[in-house]
Structure formats: C-alpha cells, structure tokens
Amino acid sequence: MSDPIGEIRRQALDALQIIAEEKALASWRSQYLGRRGAIGALFGTIGGLPSEDRSAFGQRVNALQAELSEAFEAREALIQSQLLARDLEEGEIDISLPAYPRRGGGLHPSTRTHREFQTIWADMGFQVYQSRDVELDEFNFTLLNLPPHHPARDMQDTFYTKDPRVLLRTHTSPGQIRAMRELGDGGTKPIRVILPGMCYRQEQVTARSEIQFTQVEGLAIGRNIRMSDLKGTIAEFAKRMYNPRAKVRYRASYFPFTEPSMEVDVECFLCGGKGCRVCKYTGWLEIAGSGMVHPDVLRNGGYDPSVWSGFAFGMGPERITMLKHGIQDIRYFWDNDLRFLQQF
C-alpha cells in the first residue's frame, strides 16, 4: 500500500540537502510548504478518506509540515552563514575598515557650570550641602525673615501643594537654615557650605525666565566675619570663574534674609568692559546677589548673632552659562534639543 506522506517527506528532505543557493531554497519552500505545494495537496485529500482515517492522516500531515518547516529554517541559516563567510573571503566586506563612529554622551551645559562652581568653592573651603526640593513654608519663607503677608513673598510666585504648608522651594535659601541646624552643632561650630539645586517658580515661560532653574547658594558662618570677607571671597570667585584680571563692582540692594545686601557685577568678559550686546553696552554683567546674614536668620539657624556672623550669596548657573556662551533663550536648557546640547 502506498504511503504519500512518507514519499513526500523523503523527496523533500533529499532535495533540501543539496540546495546551496537562496533562490533554490525559495523555490523548494514554494514546492513543498507553499499554499499550493505538496503539503497543501495532502490536506486537500483528507475529505476523500474514510471518516475513521481522517484524524490520524491529518495528524501525520501536520507533523510533516512542522518537520519540513524546521528543516527549512536550519538550511536557510546554514546558507546565510556560508554566504557571509564567502563575502568575507572575497573581500566584499572589509572587516579591517573602521566602524561607524558612535557619538558619546556629554554633560549638560548647566551641569558643567555647576561642576566649575563646586571646584572653585571647594578650593576655598566650602563643602556641598544638598537640600530638599519639596520644602515647608516655614523654611522657605518664615525662618528667612519672610513672615506671612510679607510683601517680598509676592516677588516669588510659588507652587503650593494641597497642603498650604508644603511647597516647591522657590530658592535654595531654605537650605541655609537646615545647614546651620545640622552642621552648626547647636550654634557652636563655624560652617562654610554651598547649596546647589533646582528651584521652581510659577512664572510665565519666556526667553529670560523659566518655571524651573538651578541656583547655587553659599553660606559662611563664623566669628568676626565681615562684609570685607564677602567682597574678597566673591572677587576671588570671579577671577577664577571668568578672568584672573576680572574687575568686580558691588551695588546696594535688598534681600529679606541679609542685611546689608548687595548685587555683584563682573566686568564683561566678552567685550572687556567696552560695552556689547550681551552686557547691554554697560560693560558689566550681574552674577550674584549677596549680603551679611540677617541676625534673625542666624538666630533661627541656632546661632547667637551677638557672637556669630556670616555672609551668604546666590547665583544662577543658567544665567552665567548664557552670558558666557552668548545664549539668548533660557528655554534651550530644557528643550533637550541635541542640536543645542551637542555644542557643549
């Protein structure tokens, strides 16, 4: 009695063993596994079999189809590996050629400026103190001499949570209180820290303002610290950050948590003080706000203002980066546009 399934199996596997080209392999697949191939023809004969033989016959055809499909895939993989080896031998693929260059990642321009800051301040004895982004109103405002209904609170449009006592910090200054309480050992030890971090304000996003930005706060507490110490420290920072011959000037200002307070300008490093578009033809660039720590703030930090004094300063890395590289729009820092970021 003839066995069509066994005969097709033998023919298919014998033919497959001698195939060495992809075109012939495709033809074999169509002949045996295609819709109108030998396997399909076997399925078509099931209806003419006695009902008691159909199930067994169908199972054998399914098994043959699976076996031939597996044999086809194995032969296809072998042929492709042989073709690749032949291409390498014939030189169609020169493996000695350099690979396509892969562009490495880089530091964000704000991160670069932060690291410059930290290096300079570390050389002057300041340690980095990380403070929290989500703050209490008490630390963000009240303990910094900004009690409820203080008009200076209107200068900072604040993101509050459902709990009005909890907010996203509007500046890094609340870290001053936490640093004094944590590192000051009950107001008995001098401290020198910088407090880098993100700040958040509910402002309209423009080329000059963003709802998020970074700041670097500085704080020094000790005995007999004076305004002259602050001026000398800021001047040394400016020389190391911008130019060894950089000139610095100080302008009287107001901050609730310092008294007296001042703004710090550095001579424009792009035009040498002659006046240009970046410095608005004044020859000066504003780089920081600063002042002597207010006695109330010292007291809130655990220090006796009759014994201890200190200075504080704050500066924005994005602003300084914009000035240094002539960047006109602060939104570039948060767009994640590679055309901008790869320039650094």
Foldseek 3Di string as FASTA:
>chain_A
DDDLLVVVLVVLVVVLVPDQDPVVLVVSCCQDVNCPHPLVVQLVCLVVDDPVCSVVSVVSSVVSNVVSVVSSVVSVVVNVVVVVVVCVVVVVDPPVDDDDDDDDDDDQLLVVLVVLVQVLVVVVPAAEDEDDQKDFCCLLAVLLQHDPPRVCVVVFAWAADPPNRITGRQAQRSVVLVCLQPVCVLAPDKHKYKYKDKHAGPDDADQVDDRIFIKIKIKTKDFPDDPVNVVVSVVSSCCSVANVPKDKDWAFDDDSFAPGKIWMKIFQSVVRQCADVLCNGRRIDTFKIKHKGDQSSCVSSRHHVVGMIMMMMMGTSLSVSCSVVVPRGSCVSVPPDCVVRVVD
